[in-house]
N, C-alpha and C. Protein backbone atom coordinates (compact mmCIF):
# COMPACT_ATOMS: atom_id res chain seq x y z
N MET A 1 -12.42 -6.95 -3.94
CA MET A 1 -13.92 -6.41 -2.96
C MET A 1 -13.37 -6.30 -1.54
N VAL A 2 -13.66 -5.04 -1.21
CA VAL A 2 -13.21 -5.15 0.42
C VAL A 2 -14.41 -5.45 1.23
N ASP A 3 -13.75 -6.10 2.12
CA ASP A 3 -14.90 -6.78 3.31
C ASP A 3 -15.01 -5.97 4.29
N ALA A 4 -15.39 -6.73 5.45
CA ALA A 4 -15.49 -6.13 6.87
C ALA A 4 -13.99 -5.86 7.04
N ARG A 5 -13.75 -6.89 7.26
CA ARG A 5 -11.85 -7.14 8.11
C ARG A 5 -11.03 -5.76 7.50
N ALA A 6 -11.14 -5.68 6.42
CA ALA A 6 -10.62 -4.85 5.31
C ALA A 6 -10.87 -3.14 5.56
N LEU A 7 -12.00 -3.05 5.97
CA LEU A 7 -12.87 -2.09 6.31
C LEU A 7 -12.05 -1.55 7.89
N GLY A 8 -12.02 -2.49 8.37
CA GLY A 8 -11.60 -2.44 9.81
C GLY A 8 -10.21 -2.08 10.16
N LYS A 9 -9.60 -2.82 9.22
CA LYS A 9 -8.05 -2.43 9.07
C LYS A 9 -7.46 -1.03 8.44
N LEU A 10 -8.40 -0.57 7.57
CA LEU A 10 -8.28 0.82 7.06
C LEU A 10 -8.50 1.64 8.14
N VAL A 11 -9.99 1.65 9.21
CA VAL A 11 -10.10 2.68 9.88
C VAL A 11 -9.02 2.50 11.03
N VAL A 12 -8.31 1.43 11.11
CA VAL A 12 -7.36 1.44 12.00
C VAL A 12 -6.17 2.72 11.54
N LYS A 13 -5.94 2.10 10.37
CA LYS A 13 -4.79 2.98 9.43
C LYS A 13 -5.20 4.50 9.51
N TYR A 14 -6.30 4.82 9.08
CA TYR A 14 -6.47 6.46 9.23
C TYR A 14 -6.84 7.16 10.82
N THR A 15 -6.92 6.35 11.61
CA THR A 15 -7.16 6.91 12.76
C THR A 15 -5.65 6.92 13.28
N GLU A 16 -4.61 6.06 12.89
CA GLU A 16 -3.21 6.18 13.62
C GLU A 16 -2.70 7.30 12.71
N ILE A 17 -3.08 7.26 11.55
CA ILE A 17 -2.72 8.37 10.25
C ILE A 17 -3.30 9.75 11.25
N ARG A 18 -4.25 9.89 11.76
CA ARG A 18 -4.84 11.01 11.73
C ARG A 18 -4.18 11.68 13.19
N ARG A 19 -3.82 10.56 14.25
CA ARG A 19 -3.48 10.58 15.49
C ARG A 19 -1.73 11.34 15.09
N LEU A 20 -0.98 10.62 14.07
CA LEU A 20 0.29 11.32 13.77
C LEU A 20 0.47 12.65 13.50
N ARG A 21 -0.54 12.59 12.69
CA ARG A 21 -0.91 14.16 11.98
C ARG A 21 -1.09 15.36 12.79
N ILE A 22 -2.10 14.87 14.03
CA ILE A 22 -2.11 15.71 15.18
C ILE A 22 -1.05 15.80 15.90
N LEU A 23 -0.38 14.80 16.07
CA LEU A 23 0.77 14.59 16.87
C LEU A 23 2.11 15.80 16.84
N ALA A 24 1.99 15.69 15.09
CA ALA A 24 3.08 16.49 14.58
C ALA A 24 2.71 18.18 14.45
N LEU A 25 1.19 18.59 14.49
CA LEU A 25 1.04 19.75 14.54
C LEU A 25 1.23 20.35 16.38
N GLU A 26 0.62 19.33 16.85
CA GLU A 26 0.43 19.72 18.51
C GLU A 26 2.01 19.46 19.30
N ALA A 27 3.16 18.83 18.70
CA ALA A 27 4.52 18.53 19.54
C ALA A 27 5.28 18.13 18.56
N PRO A 28 5.58 19.35 18.09
CA PRO A 28 6.56 19.08 16.53
C PRO A 28 7.79 18.56 17.08
N HIS A 29 8.08 18.51 18.50
CA HIS A 29 9.61 17.95 18.56
C HIS A 29 9.30 16.61 19.06
N ALA A 30 8.10 16.02 18.96
CA ALA A 30 7.86 14.61 19.36
C ALA A 30 8.54 13.56 18.27
N ASP A 31 8.87 12.45 18.61
CA ASP A 31 9.63 11.39 18.09
C ASP A 31 9.00 10.18 17.18
N PRO A 32 7.66 9.99 16.60
CA PRO A 32 7.00 8.93 16.38
C PRO A 32 7.62 7.96 15.65
N ARG A 33 8.80 8.04 15.58
CA ARG A 33 9.57 6.91 14.73
C ARG A 33 9.08 5.30 14.75
N GLU A 34 9.06 5.12 15.99
CA GLU A 34 8.65 3.56 15.94
C GLU A 34 7.17 3.49 15.89
N GLU A 35 6.08 3.99 16.04
CA GLU A 35 4.76 4.12 15.57
C GLU A 35 4.82 4.17 13.86
N MET A 36 5.46 5.09 13.23
CA MET A 36 5.82 5.47 12.03
C MET A 36 5.91 4.44 11.52
N ALA A 37 7.30 3.70 12.03
CA ALA A 37 7.46 2.03 11.35
C ALA A 37 6.73 1.10 11.31
N ALA A 38 5.68 0.94 12.23
CA ALA A 38 4.96 0.16 12.74
C ALA A 38 3.71 0.23 11.67
N LEU A 39 3.49 1.33 11.51
CA LEU A 39 2.37 1.70 10.44
C LEU A 39 2.88 1.57 9.07
N ALA A 40 4.28 2.08 8.62
CA ALA A 40 4.65 1.22 7.58
C ALA A 40 5.09 -0.13 7.37
N ALA A 41 4.69 -0.93 8.21
CA ALA A 41 5.39 -2.27 7.90
C ALA A 41 3.93 -3.06 7.85
N GLN A 42 2.79 -2.43 8.42
CA GLN A 42 1.41 -2.78 8.15
C GLN A 42 0.79 -2.49 7.15
N PHE A 43 1.13 -1.13 6.71
CA PHE A 43 0.25 -0.58 5.24
C PHE A 43 1.70 0.17 4.48
N PRO A 44 2.48 -0.63 3.88
CA PRO A 44 3.20 -0.07 3.08
C PRO A 44 2.96 0.98 2.24
N GLY A 45 3.54 2.35 2.19
CA GLY A 45 3.01 3.40 1.49
C GLY A 45 2.14 4.37 2.22
N ALA A 46 1.92 3.87 3.54
CA ALA A 46 0.89 5.03 4.16
C ALA A 46 1.73 6.27 5.03
N LEU A 47 3.14 6.33 5.09
CA LEU A 47 3.88 7.21 5.38
C LEU A 47 3.76 8.53 4.32
N ARG A 48 3.64 8.19 3.31
CA ARG A 48 2.87 9.53 2.32
C ARG A 48 1.96 10.33 2.67
N GLU A 49 0.87 9.14 2.71
CA GLU A 49 -0.24 9.45 3.32
C GLU A 49 -0.12 10.78 4.33
N ILE A 50 0.53 10.42 5.07
CA ILE A 50 0.80 11.35 6.56
C ILE A 50 1.13 12.55 6.02
N ASP A 51 2.46 12.56 5.21
CA ASP A 51 2.90 13.85 4.61
C ASP A 51 1.58 14.52 3.76
N GLU A 52 1.25 14.03 2.73
CA GLU A 52 0.39 14.44 1.63
C GLU A 52 -1.19 14.53 1.94
N LEU A 53 -1.76 13.77 2.61
CA LEU A 53 -3.43 13.89 3.15
C LEU A 53 -3.70 15.30 3.73
N PRO A 54 -4.10 16.28 3.30
CA PRO A 54 -4.75 16.85 4.52
C PRO A 54 -5.73 16.24 5.56
N LEU A 55 -5.76 16.96 6.60
CA LEU A 55 -6.16 16.23 7.83
C LEU A 55 -8.04 16.29 7.40
N GLU A 56 -8.59 17.16 6.72
CA GLU A 56 -9.93 17.09 6.23
C GLU A 56 -10.09 15.77 5.53
N ALA A 57 -9.01 15.74 4.61
CA ALA A 57 -9.22 14.12 3.67
C ALA A 57 -9.22 13.19 4.36
N ILE A 58 -8.24 13.09 5.80
CA ILE A 58 -8.10 11.96 6.79
C ILE A 58 -9.69 11.77 7.59
N ASP A 59 -10.12 12.97 7.86
CA ASP A 59 -11.40 12.84 8.64
C ASP A 59 -12.79 12.36 7.77
N ALA A 60 -12.58 12.70 6.30
CA ALA A 60 -13.31 12.37 5.56
C ALA A 60 -13.40 11.06 5.24
N ARG A 61 -12.03 10.41 5.13
CA ARG A 61 -12.12 9.26 4.77
C ARG A 61 -12.34 8.18 5.72
N LEU A 62 -12.13 8.62 6.95
CA LEU A 62 -12.74 8.01 8.52
C LEU A 62 -14.17 7.98 8.53
N ALA A 63 -14.69 9.31 7.86
CA ALA A 63 -16.46 9.30 7.94
C ALA A 63 -16.84 8.11 6.94
N SER A 64 -16.07 7.96 5.63
CA SER A 64 -16.60 7.17 4.55
C SER A 64 -16.60 5.98 5.08
N LEU A 65 -15.36 5.64 5.76
CA LEU A 65 -15.16 3.84 6.22
C LEU A 65 -16.16 3.49 7.47
N SER A 66 -16.62 4.75 7.86
CA SER A 66 -17.51 4.51 9.16
C SER A 66 -19.00 3.97 8.48
N ARG A 67 -19.32 5.20 7.15
CA ARG A 67 -20.66 4.45 6.77
C ARG A 67 -20.45 3.21 5.87
N ALA A 68 -19.32 2.35 5.47
CA ALA A 68 -19.26 1.48 4.74
C ALA A 68 -19.44 0.10 5.51
N GLN A 69 -18.91 0.69 7.13
CA GLN A 69 -18.86 -0.32 7.71
C GLN A 69 -20.51 -0.76 8.32
N ALA A 70 -21.14 0.41 8.24
CA ALA A 70 -22.50 0.22 8.37
C ALA A 70 -23.44 -0.37 7.42
N ASP A 71 -22.94 0.17 5.97
CA ASP A 71 -23.69 -0.39 5.02
C ASP A 71 -22.59 -0.53 3.57
N SER A 72 -22.63 -1.57 3.36
CA SER A 72 -21.77 -2.04 2.73
C SER A 72 -21.86 -1.80 0.93
N ALA A 73 -23.21 -1.27 0.90
CA ALA A 73 -23.32 -0.50 -0.38
C ALA A 73 -22.72 0.72 -0.43
N ALA A 74 -22.07 1.29 0.78
CA ALA A 74 -21.51 2.60 0.94
C ALA A 74 -19.84 2.75 0.56
N ILE A 75 -19.40 1.33 0.58
CA ILE A 75 -18.12 1.13 0.07
C ILE A 75 -17.93 2.05 -1.18
N GLU A 76 -16.42 2.86 -1.39
CA GLU A 76 -16.26 3.64 -2.47
C GLU A 76 -15.12 2.72 -3.05
N PRO A 77 -14.63 3.23 -4.26
CA PRO A 77 -13.59 3.03 -5.09
C PRO A 77 -12.41 3.33 -4.40
N TRP A 78 -12.15 4.02 -3.75
CA TRP A 78 -10.68 4.25 -3.33
C TRP A 78 -10.20 3.34 -2.30
N MET A 79 -11.59 2.47 -1.38
CA MET A 79 -11.51 1.78 -0.32
C MET A 79 -10.87 0.11 -1.10
N SER A 80 -11.12 0.05 -1.92
CA SER A 80 -10.73 -1.21 -2.71
C SER A 80 -9.19 -0.86 -3.34
N ALA A 81 -9.42 0.37 -3.80
CA ALA A 81 -7.97 0.76 -4.55
C ALA A 81 -6.75 0.75 -3.40
N VAL A 82 -7.00 1.18 -1.93
CA VAL A 82 -5.98 1.87 -0.98
C VAL A 82 -5.28 0.13 -0.65
N MET A 83 -6.50 -0.58 -0.36
CA MET A 83 -6.03 -2.14 0.03
C MET A 83 -5.31 -2.83 -0.93
N ALA A 84 -5.73 -2.57 -2.18
CA ALA A 84 -5.02 -3.45 -3.45
C ALA A 84 -3.52 -2.63 -3.26
N PHE A 85 -3.50 -1.31 -3.19
CA PHE A 85 -2.25 -0.88 -3.08
C PHE A 85 -1.41 -1.28 -1.94
N HIS A 86 -1.74 -1.39 -0.79
CA HIS A 86 -0.79 -1.99 0.12
C HIS A 86 -0.10 -3.45 -0.01
N ASP A 87 -1.32 -4.48 -0.78
CA ASP A 87 -0.93 -5.84 -1.16
C ASP A 87 0.03 -5.56 -1.79
N LEU A 88 -0.42 -4.87 -3.04
CA LEU A 88 0.77 -4.87 -3.74
C LEU A 88 1.90 -4.40 -3.65
N THR A 89 2.09 -3.40 -2.81
CA THR A 89 3.46 -2.74 -2.29
C THR A 89 4.04 -3.82 -1.37
N ARG A 90 3.41 -4.18 -0.54
CA ARG A 90 3.98 -5.43 0.44
C ARG A 90 4.61 -6.34 -0.45
N GLY A 91 3.88 -6.90 -1.36
CA GLY A 91 4.47 -8.20 -2.17
C GLY A 91 5.60 -7.39 -3.22
N ALA A 92 5.89 -6.49 -3.64
CA ALA A 92 7.07 -5.87 -4.58
C ALA A 92 8.42 -5.44 -3.95
N LEU A 93 7.71 -5.20 -2.01
CA LEU A 93 8.79 -4.96 -1.56
C LEU A 93 9.45 -6.14 -1.16
N ALA A 94 8.78 -7.05 -0.54
CA ALA A 94 9.05 -8.46 -0.08
C ALA A 94 9.90 -9.17 -1.37
N ALA A 95 9.42 -9.21 -2.53
CA ALA A 95 10.05 -9.75 -3.25
C ALA A 95 11.42 -8.93 -3.75
N LYS A 96 11.66 -7.69 -3.72
CA LYS A 96 12.71 -6.70 -3.96
C LYS A 96 13.53 -7.60 -2.84
N LYS A 97 13.18 -7.52 -1.80
CA LYS A 97 14.14 -7.84 -0.56
C LYS A 97 14.62 -9.15 -0.74
N TRP A 98 13.70 -10.03 -1.22
CA TRP A 98 14.28 -11.71 -1.48
C TRP A 98 15.22 -11.77 -2.43
N LEU A 99 14.83 -10.49 -3.48
CA LEU A 99 16.50 -10.68 -4.67
C LEU A 99 17.32 -10.43 -4.28
N ALA A 100 17.70 -9.69 -3.10
CA ALA A 100 18.79 -9.32 -2.53
C ALA A 100 20.13 -8.72 -3.12
N GLY A 101 19.35 -8.00 -4.01
CA GLY A 101 20.26 -7.26 -4.99
C GLY A 101 20.31 -7.84 -6.51
N ARG A 102 20.04 -8.66 -6.64
CA ARG A 102 20.37 -9.31 -8.30
C ARG A 102 19.25 -8.63 -8.86
N LYS A 103 20.15 -8.42 -10.08
CA LYS A 103 19.64 -7.66 -11.26
C LYS A 103 19.10 -8.42 -12.45
N ASN A 104 20.05 -9.80 -12.91
CA ASN A 104 19.83 -10.51 -14.05
C ASN A 104 18.65 -11.60 -13.44
N ILE A 105 17.44 -11.49 -13.46
CA ILE A 105 16.46 -12.67 -13.08
C ILE A 105 16.20 -13.38 -14.10
N GLY A 106 16.37 -14.75 -14.04
CA GLY A 106 15.98 -15.86 -14.72
C GLY A 106 15.03 -16.44 -14.48
N GLU A 107 14.61 -17.60 -15.20
CA GLU A 107 13.67 -18.70 -14.75
C GLU A 107 13.96 -19.42 -13.73
N THR A 108 15.17 -19.46 -13.31
CA THR A 108 15.38 -20.23 -12.13
C THR A 108 15.04 -19.41 -10.84
N ASP A 109 15.37 -18.28 -10.96
CA ASP A 109 15.15 -17.27 -9.65
C ASP A 109 13.40 -17.34 -9.65
N ARG A 110 12.89 -17.38 -10.60
CA ARG A 110 11.29 -17.17 -10.67
C ARG A 110 10.59 -18.94 -10.10
N ALA A 111 11.30 -19.88 -10.29
CA ALA A 111 10.74 -20.92 -10.30
C ALA A 111 11.52 -21.08 -8.59
N GLU A 112 12.37 -20.33 -8.01
CA GLU A 112 12.79 -20.90 -6.70
C GLU A 112 11.66 -19.76 -5.64
N LEU A 113 11.74 -18.63 -6.15
CA LEU A 113 10.64 -17.97 -5.69
C LEU A 113 9.13 -18.57 -5.44
N GLU A 114 8.85 -19.22 -6.65
CA GLU A 114 7.50 -19.66 -6.51
C GLU A 114 7.51 -21.12 -5.68
N LYS A 115 8.67 -21.60 -5.30
CA LYS A 115 8.90 -22.69 -4.80
C LYS A 115 8.52 -22.38 -3.27
N ILE A 116 9.38 -21.65 -2.68
CA ILE A 116 9.43 -21.18 -1.49
C ILE A 116 8.29 -20.13 -0.85
N ALA A 117 7.72 -19.37 -1.69
CA ALA A 117 7.09 -18.16 -1.36
C ALA A 117 5.83 -18.69 -0.43
N LEU A 118 5.32 -19.54 -0.71
CA LEU A 118 4.23 -20.09 0.39
C LEU A 118 4.63 -20.22 1.76
N SER A 119 6.14 -20.52 2.37
CA SER A 119 6.59 -20.30 3.62
C SER A 119 7.05 -19.31 4.15
N MET A 120 6.84 -18.27 3.42
CA MET A 120 7.47 -16.92 3.94
C MET A 120 6.27 -15.78 4.19
N PRO A 121 6.47 -15.20 5.41
CA PRO A 121 5.38 -14.32 5.58
C PRO A 121 4.60 -13.45 4.67
N GLU A 122 5.37 -12.80 3.48
CA GLU A 122 4.68 -12.18 2.47
C GLU A 122 4.81 -12.92 1.27
N GLY A 123 4.54 -14.35 1.26
CA GLY A 123 5.01 -15.16 0.07
C GLY A 123 3.87 -14.83 -0.85
N LYS A 124 2.47 -14.53 -0.26
CA LYS A 124 1.70 -14.52 -1.08
C LYS A 124 1.40 -13.33 -1.94
N ALA A 125 1.98 -12.37 -1.11
CA ALA A 125 1.46 -11.03 -2.00
C ALA A 125 2.89 -11.07 -2.75
N MET A 126 4.10 -11.82 -2.27
CA MET A 126 5.24 -11.98 -3.58
C MET A 126 4.87 -12.72 -4.59
N LEU A 127 3.77 -13.83 -4.86
CA LEU A 127 3.58 -14.44 -5.82
C LEU A 127 2.70 -13.77 -7.03
N VAL A 128 2.16 -12.38 -6.62
CA VAL A 128 1.57 -11.51 -7.48
C VAL A 128 2.61 -11.20 -8.81
N TRP A 129 3.97 -10.92 -8.06
CA TRP A 129 4.83 -10.39 -8.89
C TRP A 129 6.06 -11.46 -9.49
N LEU A 130 5.51 -12.52 -9.76
CA LEU A 130 6.46 -13.69 -9.67
C LEU A 130 7.07 -13.39 -11.42
N ASP A 131 5.74 -12.98 -12.28
CA ASP A 131 5.98 -12.52 -14.05
C ASP A 131 6.67 -11.26 -14.13
N ASP A 132 7.00 -10.51 -13.12
CA ASP A 132 7.86 -9.31 -13.27
C ASP A 132 9.06 -9.15 -12.43
N LEU A 133 9.61 -10.08 -11.93
CA LEU A 133 10.94 -9.92 -11.35
C LEU A 133 11.87 -9.24 -11.69
N PRO A 134 11.97 -9.32 -13.23
CA PRO A 134 12.83 -8.35 -13.69
C PRO A 134 12.90 -6.81 -13.49
N ALA A 135 11.44 -6.60 -13.27
CA ALA A 135 10.91 -5.42 -13.41
C ALA A 135 11.09 -4.89 -11.75
N ILE A 136 10.89 -5.66 -10.87
CA ILE A 136 11.27 -5.58 -9.47
C ILE A 136 12.45 -5.11 -8.97
N ALA A 137 13.26 -6.05 -9.88
CA ALA A 137 14.77 -5.83 -9.68
C ALA A 137 15.61 -4.61 -9.97
N GLN A 138 14.93 -4.28 -11.19
CA GLN A 138 15.12 -2.98 -11.87
C GLN A 138 14.01 -1.80 -12.34
N PRO A 139 13.21 -1.40 -11.20
CA PRO A 139 12.17 -0.91 -11.75
C PRO A 139 12.34 0.45 -12.50
N PRO A 140 11.42 0.94 -13.04
CA PRO A 140 11.16 2.00 -13.94
C PRO A 140 11.67 3.26 -12.80
N ARG A 141 12.45 4.05 -13.31
CA ARG A 141 12.77 5.26 -12.62
C ARG A 141 13.39 4.74 -11.38
N GLY A 142 13.80 3.70 -11.22
CA GLY A 142 14.14 3.11 -9.71
C GLY A 142 13.27 3.35 -8.65
N LYS A 143 11.78 3.35 -8.77
CA LYS A 143 10.77 3.19 -8.25
C LYS A 143 9.57 2.16 -8.29
N LEU A 144 9.59 1.42 -7.29
CA LEU A 144 8.58 0.52 -7.14
C LEU A 144 7.26 0.67 -6.92
N THR A 145 6.94 2.12 -6.73
CA THR A 145 5.75 2.39 -6.69
C THR A 145 4.79 2.60 -8.10
N ASP A 146 6.21 2.73 -9.17
CA ASP A 146 5.24 2.98 -10.45
C ASP A 146 4.92 1.57 -11.05
N LEU A 147 5.59 0.55 -10.81
CA LEU A 147 5.20 -0.81 -11.29
C LEU A 147 3.44 -1.10 -10.26
N VAL A 148 3.65 -0.40 -8.69
CA VAL A 148 2.46 -0.93 -8.19
C VAL A 148 1.25 -0.23 -8.67
N PHE A 149 1.70 1.03 -9.19
CA PHE A 149 0.46 1.55 -9.80
C PHE A 149 0.03 1.33 -11.17
N ARG A 150 0.87 0.72 -11.95
CA ARG A 150 0.71 0.46 -13.36
C ARG A 150 -0.15 -1.22 -12.75
N ARG A 151 0.13 -1.76 -12.05
CA ARG A 151 -0.74 -3.21 -11.81
C ARG A 151 -2.08 -2.75 -10.97
N LEU A 152 -1.86 -1.94 -10.17
CA LEU A 152 -3.33 -1.22 -9.86
C LEU A 152 -4.10 -0.97 -10.58
N ALA A 153 -3.74 -0.03 -11.64
CA ALA A 153 -4.67 0.52 -12.95
C ALA A 153 -5.06 -0.52 -13.76
N GLY A 154 -4.01 -1.70 -14.02
CA GLY A 154 -4.74 -2.56 -14.67
C GLY A 154 -5.64 -3.77 -13.89
N MET A 155 -5.63 -3.62 -13.06
CA MET A 155 -6.70 -4.56 -11.74
C MET A 155 -7.91 -3.80 -11.58
N LEU A 156 -7.61 -2.58 -11.83
CA LEU A 156 -8.98 -1.76 -12.00
C LEU A 156 -9.26 -1.16 -12.70
N ALA A 157 -8.66 -1.33 -13.87
CA ALA A 157 -9.31 -1.02 -15.15
C ALA A 157 -9.63 0.32 -15.51
N ILE A 158 -8.57 1.09 -14.97
CA ILE A 158 -8.46 2.75 -14.73
C ILE A 158 -7.01 2.86 -15.32
N SER A 159 -7.02 4.05 -15.49
CA SER A 159 -5.63 4.98 -16.09
C SER A 159 -4.73 4.71 -14.76
N GLU A 160 -3.27 5.07 -14.59
CA GLU A 160 -2.47 5.01 -13.84
C GLU A 160 -2.57 6.48 -12.75
N THR A 161 -2.84 7.23 -13.64
CA THR A 161 -3.14 8.54 -12.89
C THR A 161 -4.61 8.66 -12.03
N GLU A 162 -5.50 8.04 -12.46
CA GLU A 162 -6.88 7.47 -11.80
C GLU A 162 -6.50 6.83 -10.70
N ALA A 163 -5.69 6.10 -10.34
CA ALA A 163 -4.96 4.70 -9.86
C ALA A 163 -4.72 5.85 -8.57
N ARG A 164 -3.30 6.57 -8.80
CA ARG A 164 -2.95 7.39 -7.56
C ARG A 164 -3.94 8.23 -7.30
N ALA A 165 -4.66 8.71 -8.04
CA ALA A 165 -6.02 9.89 -7.39
C ALA A 165 -6.61 9.02 -6.19
N LEU A 166 -6.90 7.60 -6.72
CA LEU A 166 -7.62 7.00 -5.50
C LEU A 166 -7.07 6.57 -4.23
N VAL A 167 -5.77 6.59 -4.49
CA VAL A 167 -4.79 6.18 -3.31
C VAL A 167 -4.66 7.34 -2.70
N PHE A 168 -3.88 8.52 -3.13
CA PHE A 168 -3.20 9.57 -2.50
C PHE A 168 -3.62 11.00 -3.16
N THR A 169 -4.29 11.68 -2.23
CA THR A 169 -4.93 12.85 -2.56
C THR A 169 -3.74 14.06 -1.91
N LYS A 170 -3.62 14.93 -2.92
CA LYS A 170 -2.55 15.86 -2.34
C LYS A 170 -2.95 17.23 -1.64
N ARG A 171 -2.28 17.35 -0.43
CA ARG A 171 -2.40 18.38 0.08
C ARG A 171 -2.36 19.58 -0.70
N ARG A 172 -3.67 20.68 0.05
CA ARG A 172 -3.55 21.66 -0.63
C ARG A 172 -3.15 22.76 -0.43
């Protein structure tokens, strides 16, 4: 469930995405790498939204978030999906980094991560992936996002295609 804090984070995210999209249109030679890196660190996967979400969709999401902040009954499924996507992606990336290139993952690795995870900044997010460390080490098609969307779809009891559609809207 998305709470007021999560809604506020999404407003910050989409406001920044909107700003960066407009910057790209108005100042194509600008170099927003630092801002983009900060956005990606806070919201893993958000850079794809900059590339793929039409400006109208960004504005529509901001308007929807504003309504949801005023009335929790206005919270839409995509809001929960997007927050879960970022949390799952953050955990998968942290677990992949912790694995440091190891490909053969055993019970010892799992136990070690479980033991030290909560002392790590992304530890709680990593624990979600404990049972999938071998898949994190060698993701299908080499893409962690495939694992993330599979997990997200399961959490939301929808198809992977539906999960992807909730998170990303293609530019027309």
